[in-house]
Amino acid sequence: MATKTVKREAGVLNKLSHVALVVWAILIIYPLVFTFLAAFKSNTEIFIGNPFALPSEWSFGSFTRAWTEARIGTYFLNSLVVVFFGTAGTMLLGAMAAYVLARYEFVGNRFIYFLFIAGLAFPVYLTLTPLFLVVQDLGKLFGPNFGLGSHTALILVYIAYSLPFTVFFLAAFFKTLPNAVAEAAMIDGASHTRLFFRVMMPMAKPGLISITIFNVIGQWNQYVLPVALLPGGTQPDGTDGRDSWLLTQGIASISTSAGYQADWPALFAALSIAIIPMIIMYTIFQRQIQSGLTAGAVK
């Protein structure tokens, strides 16, 4: 009887979990479908017609206006550059720091590790003002390429804010890797650097891919930091500050620049341009992400 009761309870929980997943899927799919369909509609169709009705005419004019007139193409390329170097720097520094903290014992190991973890406790909004002043001072010390309005400064800030979670995640993952392989490589004459790049990094590939995807998505969707560090308007050198904007800033400007006569199809087209790369990336690497998240627990 006890076994039947346990099976009955497990069956009920299984059904409830499926219902919860269906509700969650609807909440995610609803805005995505609405966004993609609205990108092909007119303002009238968006606000008066059925939100899930097909467009009366499948036109890519809104995508063209968003890419050229709203300068989404420029902002898209800026985002690619910033996210690429920001993620690359985060993964290189984060992986090296996590490996040393996880595999080597030395005085201050735990203290340094908890300093990284402490970075997870500070919301970005809490440090916007001091961060603005620090970047401003960097520009005075090292030139405009490291100051406000520069992608270099934003990349450095992205790396700093992404390191805590990266170190936290990878340190736990590196601890699960077998010691026998590392000891065999050291006996064969491998240096610590070669051991890390040639042996441990390939073994940690699932975890590295998972955290890379998380960092890419987090940095790609970042809005507050670019707004604070990439101000618009005319710069001291006479250039237009909007030339350095990222995709999130460009999308926000579409909905605010025209007031009540905003080009809503172009706005939804810009949103689609921002969403599609993330969906494609996750679709391609979903197996690696899932294996990376479960590898530590399995091992």
Protein backbone atom coordinates (compact mmCIF):
# COMPACT_ATOMS: atom_id res chain seq x y z
CA MET A 1 0.00 0.00 0.00
CA ALA A 2 2.83 2.37 0.85
CA THR A 3 4.39 1.76 -2.56
CA LYS A 4 1.12 2.50 -4.33
CA THR A 5 0.68 5.70 -2.32
CA VAL A 6 4.19 6.86 -3.23
CA LYS A 7 3.57 6.11 -6.91
CA ARG A 8 0.23 7.94 -6.81
CA GLU A 9 1.85 11.01 -5.22
CA ALA A 10 4.69 10.90 -7.74
CA GLY A 11 2.16 10.74 -10.57
CA VAL A 12 0.28 13.78 -9.23
CA LEU A 13 3.51 15.75 -8.87
CA ASN A 14 4.52 14.73 -12.39
CA LYS A 15 1.24 16.01 -13.81
CA LEU A 16 1.50 19.27 -11.87
CA SER A 17 5.04 19.80 -13.14
CA HIS A 18 3.85 19.30 -16.72
CA VAL A 19 1.05 21.81 -16.19
CA ALA A 20 3.53 24.31 -14.76
CA LEU A 21 5.83 23.80 -17.76
CA VAL A 22 2.96 24.34 -20.19
CA VAL A 23 1.96 27.58 -18.44
CA TRP A 24 5.59 28.74 -18.44
CA ALA A 25 5.96 27.93 -22.14
CA ILE A 26 2.83 29.96 -22.95
CA LEU A 27 4.15 32.93 -20.96
CA ILE A 28 7.40 32.80 -22.95
CA ILE A 29 5.99 32.05 -26.40
CA TYR A 30 3.15 34.64 -26.22
CA PRO A 31 5.34 37.78 -26.31
CA LEU A 32 7.73 36.23 -28.84
CA VAL A 33 4.97 35.41 -31.32
CA PHE A 34 3.38 38.83 -30.80
CA THR A 35 6.73 40.57 -31.38
CA PHE A 36 7.55 38.68 -34.59
CA LEU A 37 4.07 39.16 -36.08
CA ALA A 38 3.90 42.84 -35.11
CA ALA A 39 7.17 43.48 -36.97
CA PHE A 40 5.31 42.85 -40.25
CA LYS A 41 2.17 44.85 -39.41
CA SER A 42 1.20 48.50 -39.54
CA ASN A 43 0.47 50.62 -36.48
CA THR A 44 -3.27 50.20 -37.08
CA GLU A 45 -3.06 46.41 -37.28
CA ILE A 46 -0.99 46.24 -34.10
CA PHE A 47 -3.40 48.21 -31.90
CA ILE A 48 -6.80 47.50 -33.47
CA GLY A 49 -6.61 44.07 -35.07
CA ASN A 50 -6.19 40.63 -33.50
CA PRO A 51 -2.68 40.53 -32.02
CA PHE A 52 -2.16 36.97 -33.29
CA ALA A 53 -3.71 37.51 -36.70
CA LEU A 54 -1.38 37.22 -39.65
CA PRO A 55 -0.31 40.50 -41.26
CA SER A 56 -2.37 41.64 -44.20
CA GLU A 57 0.90 42.05 -46.15
CA TRP A 58 4.24 40.41 -45.38
CA SER A 59 6.59 43.34 -45.83
CA PHE A 60 10.15 43.73 -44.59
CA GLY A 61 9.91 47.51 -44.74
CA SER A 62 9.92 47.80 -40.95
CA PHE A 63 13.18 45.83 -40.78
CA THR A 64 14.71 48.11 -43.39
CA ARG A 65 13.63 51.25 -41.52
CA ALA A 66 14.91 49.86 -38.24
CA TRP A 67 18.26 48.82 -39.75
CA THR A 68 18.94 52.06 -41.62
CA GLU A 69 16.81 54.99 -40.44
CA ALA A 70 16.88 53.97 -36.77
CA ARG A 71 20.57 52.94 -37.14
CA ILE A 72 19.94 49.53 -35.62
CA GLY A 73 22.56 48.10 -37.99
CA THR A 74 25.27 50.28 -36.40
CA TYR A 75 24.10 49.46 -32.89
CA PHE A 76 23.96 45.76 -33.74
CA LEU A 77 27.59 45.75 -34.88
CA ASN A 78 28.63 47.74 -31.80
CA SER A 79 26.94 45.15 -29.59
CA LEU A 80 28.70 42.32 -31.41
CA VAL A 81 32.11 43.90 -30.81
CA VAL A 82 31.49 44.74 -27.16
CA VAL A 83 29.93 41.38 -26.27
CA PHE A 84 32.61 39.41 -28.15
CA PHE A 85 35.55 41.03 -26.37
CA GLY A 86 33.67 41.28 -23.07
CA THR A 87 32.84 37.58 -23.08
CA ALA A 88 36.31 36.57 -24.29
CA GLY A 89 37.99 38.57 -21.54
CA THR A 90 35.57 37.26 -18.93
CA MET A 91 36.12 33.64 -19.89
CA LEU A 92 39.91 33.91 -20.09
CA LEU A 93 40.37 35.70 -16.75
CA GLY A 94 37.49 33.89 -15.04
CA ALA A 95 38.66 30.42 -16.09
CA MET A 96 42.24 31.07 -14.96
CA ALA A 97 41.13 32.52 -11.61
CA ALA A 98 38.62 29.72 -10.99
CA TYR A 99 41.17 27.04 -11.86
CA VAL A 100 43.80 28.40 -9.46
CA LEU A 101 41.29 28.87 -6.65
CA ALA A 102 39.84 25.39 -7.15
CA ARG A 103 43.02 23.35 -7.70
CA TYR A 104 45.78 25.07 -5.70
CA GLU A 105 46.11 25.58 -1.96
CA PHE A 106 47.81 28.80 -0.84
CA VAL A 107 47.48 31.43 1.86
CA GLY A 108 44.49 33.66 1.16
CA ASN A 109 42.80 31.22 -1.25
CA ARG A 110 39.43 31.30 0.51
CA PHE A 111 39.65 35.05 1.11
CA ILE A 112 40.16 35.77 -2.62
CA TYR A 113 37.40 33.33 -3.53
CA PHE A 114 34.92 35.02 -1.19
CA LEU A 115 35.91 38.42 -2.57
CA PHE A 116 34.75 37.21 -5.99
CA ILE A 117 31.57 35.79 -4.48
CA ALA A 118 30.90 39.08 -2.72
CA GLY A 119 30.60 40.68 -6.14
CA LEU A 120 27.33 38.77 -6.63
CA ALA A 121 25.78 40.67 -3.73
CA PHE A 122 26.09 44.15 -5.26
CA PRO A 123 23.37 45.16 -7.74
CA VAL A 124 24.52 47.22 -10.68
CA TYR A 125 22.27 50.13 -9.70
CA LEU A 126 24.16 50.54 -6.43
CA THR A 127 27.44 51.35 -8.14
CA LEU A 128 26.36 53.42 -11.14
CA THR A 129 27.48 56.76 -9.71
CA PRO A 130 30.94 55.66 -8.49
CA LEU A 131 31.39 53.60 -11.66
CA PHE A 132 30.60 56.66 -13.78
CA LEU A 133 33.23 58.67 -11.89
CA VAL A 134 35.83 55.90 -12.14
CA VAL A 135 35.41 55.59 -15.91
CA GLN A 136 35.50 59.36 -16.22
CA ASP A 137 38.83 59.41 -14.36
CA LEU A 138 40.16 56.60 -16.56
CA GLY A 139 39.49 58.78 -19.57
CA LYS A 140 41.47 61.62 -18.00
CA LEU A 141 44.40 59.32 -17.18
CA PHE A 142 44.62 57.12 -20.29
CA GLY A 143 42.80 59.11 -22.94
CA PRO A 144 39.29 59.12 -24.43
CA ASN A 145 39.58 55.51 -25.60
CA PHE A 146 39.24 54.42 -21.95
CA GLY A 147 36.74 57.05 -20.80
CA LEU A 148 33.05 57.73 -21.08
CA GLY A 149 31.59 56.95 -24.48
CA SER A 150 34.27 54.36 -25.33
CA HIS A 151 33.64 50.69 -25.97
CA THR A 152 36.93 49.79 -24.27
CA ALA A 153 35.73 51.12 -20.93
CA LEU A 154 32.40 49.33 -21.32
CA ILE A 155 34.17 46.05 -22.14
CA LEU A 156 36.29 46.34 -19.00
CA VAL A 157 33.18 46.99 -16.91
CA TYR A 158 31.39 44.02 -18.49
CA ILE A 159 34.34 41.80 -17.60
CA ALA A 160 34.40 43.07 -14.02
CA TYR A 161 30.68 42.48 -13.51
CA SER A 162 30.70 39.04 -15.15
CA LEU A 163 33.71 37.66 -13.28
CA PRO A 164 32.01 36.88 -9.92
CA PHE A 165 29.43 34.46 -11.32
CA THR A 166 31.96 33.02 -13.79
CA VAL A 167 34.49 32.28 -11.04
CA PHE A 168 31.77 30.90 -8.76
CA PHE A 169 30.45 28.55 -11.45
CA LEU A 170 33.79 27.37 -12.87
CA ALA A 171 35.52 26.92 -9.52
CA ALA A 172 32.91 24.34 -8.55
CA PHE A 173 33.28 22.70 -11.97
CA PHE A 174 37.10 22.51 -11.88
CA LYS A 175 36.91 20.78 -8.49
CA THR A 176 35.09 17.86 -10.09
CA LEU A 177 37.83 17.15 -12.63
CA PRO A 178 39.99 14.08 -11.80
CA ASN A 179 43.36 14.66 -10.17
CA ALA A 180 44.91 11.62 -11.84
CA VAL A 181 44.96 13.25 -15.27
CA ALA A 182 46.61 16.41 -13.94
CA GLU A 183 49.21 14.42 -12.01
CA ALA A 184 50.03 12.32 -15.09
CA ALA A 185 50.52 15.47 -17.18
CA MET A 186 52.83 16.98 -14.56
CA ILE A 187 54.88 13.75 -14.43
CA ASP A 188 55.26 13.93 -18.21
CA GLY A 189 56.82 17.38 -17.82
CA ALA A 190 53.85 19.67 -18.54
CA SER A 191 54.12 23.14 -17.05
CA HIS A 192 51.24 24.65 -15.07
CA THR A 193 50.33 26.83 -18.05
CA ARG A 194 50.35 23.93 -20.50
CA LEU A 195 48.43 21.75 -18.03
CA PHE A 196 45.70 24.39 -17.85
CA PHE A 197 45.34 25.16 -21.56
CA ARG A 198 46.04 21.72 -23.04
CA VAL A 199 44.56 19.35 -20.45
CA MET A 200 42.15 21.00 -18.01
CA MET A 201 40.43 23.40 -20.40
CA PRO A 202 39.37 20.64 -22.85
CA MET A 203 38.10 18.57 -19.92
CA ALA A 204 36.07 21.54 -18.67
CA LYS A 205 34.54 22.23 -22.09
CA PRO A 206 30.88 21.59 -21.08
CA GLY A 207 31.11 24.01 -18.18
CA LEU A 208 32.97 26.61 -20.23
CA ILE A 209 30.34 26.52 -22.98
CA SER A 210 27.49 26.86 -20.47
CA ILE A 211 28.92 29.86 -18.67
CA THR A 212 29.95 31.44 -22.00
CA ILE A 213 26.34 31.33 -23.20
CA PHE A 214 25.12 32.85 -19.94
CA ASN A 215 27.67 35.66 -20.20
CA VAL A 216 26.80 36.35 -23.84
CA ILE A 217 23.08 36.58 -23.07
CA GLY A 218 23.66 38.71 -19.99
CA GLN A 219 25.95 41.16 -21.75
CA TRP A 220 23.86 41.24 -24.93
CA ASN A 221 20.74 42.22 -22.95
CA GLN A 222 22.53 44.74 -20.70
CA TYR A 223 20.90 48.16 -20.76
CA VAL A 224 21.77 50.09 -17.59
CA LEU A 225 25.56 50.04 -18.00
CA PRO A 226 25.56 51.24 -21.64
CA VAL A 227 23.13 54.04 -20.76
CA ALA A 228 25.42 55.19 -17.94
CA LEU A 229 28.75 54.84 -19.77
CA LEU A 230 27.79 55.57 -23.39
CA PRO A 231 25.93 58.88 -23.17
CA GLY A 232 24.40 60.35 -26.30
CA GLY A 233 24.68 63.88 -27.60
CA THR A 234 27.64 65.69 -29.06
CA GLN A 235 30.97 64.67 -27.57
CA PRO A 236 33.87 67.05 -26.77
CA ASP A 237 35.61 66.01 -30.00
CA GLY A 238 32.52 66.93 -32.04
CA THR A 239 31.35 63.37 -32.78
CA ASP A 240 27.82 62.11 -32.24
CA GLY A 241 27.69 60.05 -29.04
CA ARG A 242 24.97 57.88 -30.50
CA ASP A 243 27.48 56.35 -32.88
CA SER A 244 28.79 54.25 -29.98
CA TRP A 245 25.39 53.16 -28.66
CA LEU A 246 24.55 49.48 -28.29
CA LEU A 247 21.49 47.62 -29.54
CA THR A 248 19.48 47.99 -26.33
CA GLN A 249 19.93 51.76 -26.38
CA GLY A 250 18.94 51.95 -30.04
CA ILE A 251 15.76 49.96 -29.42
CA ALA A 252 14.78 52.22 -26.52
CA SER A 253 15.37 55.34 -28.63
CA ILE A 254 12.92 54.16 -31.30
CA SER A 255 10.01 54.17 -28.82
CA THR A 256 10.90 57.53 -27.24
CA SER A 257 12.17 59.69 -30.10
CA ALA A 258 8.87 60.09 -31.98
CA GLY A 259 6.46 60.49 -29.05
CA TYR A 260 2.94 59.36 -29.90
CA GLN A 261 3.84 58.83 -33.56
CA ALA A 262 6.47 56.17 -32.86
CA ASP A 263 7.14 53.63 -35.58
CA TRP A 264 5.93 50.56 -33.69
CA PRO A 265 6.55 48.04 -36.51
CA ALA A 266 10.17 49.24 -36.67
CA LEU A 267 10.41 48.90 -32.89
CA PHE A 268 9.19 45.30 -33.00
CA ALA A 269 11.49 44.63 -35.95
CA ALA A 270 14.43 45.90 -33.89
CA LEU A 271 13.34 43.67 -31.01
CA SER A 272 13.23 40.72 -33.39
CA ILE A 273 16.73 41.52 -34.61
CA ALA A 274 17.93 41.49 -31.00
CA ILE A 275 16.09 38.30 -30.04
CA ILE A 276 16.79 36.05 -33.03
CA PRO A 277 20.61 35.70 -32.52
CA MET A 278 20.08 34.58 -28.91
CA ILE A 279 17.44 32.01 -29.92
CA ILE A 280 19.70 30.63 -32.67
CA MET A 281 22.69 30.43 -30.32
CA TYR A 282 20.76 28.64 -27.60
CA THR A 283 19.23 26.24 -30.12
CA ILE A 284 22.68 25.29 -31.41
CA PHE A 285 24.32 24.89 -28.00
CA GLN A 286 21.41 23.64 -25.89
CA ARG A 287 22.91 20.16 -25.46
CA GLN A 288 26.24 21.60 -24.30
CA ILE A 289 24.47 23.97 -21.90
CA GLN A 290 22.45 21.17 -20.32
CA SER A 291 25.45 18.85 -20.04
CA GLY A 292 27.54 21.64 -18.53
CA LEU A 293 24.93 22.39 -15.86
CA THR A 294 24.57 18.72 -14.87
CA ALA A 295 28.19 17.53 -15.28
CA GLY A 296 29.27 18.74 -11.86
CA ALA A 297 26.40 16.98 -10.15
CA VAL A 298 26.95 13.74 -12.10
CA LYS A 299 30.66 13.66 -11.37
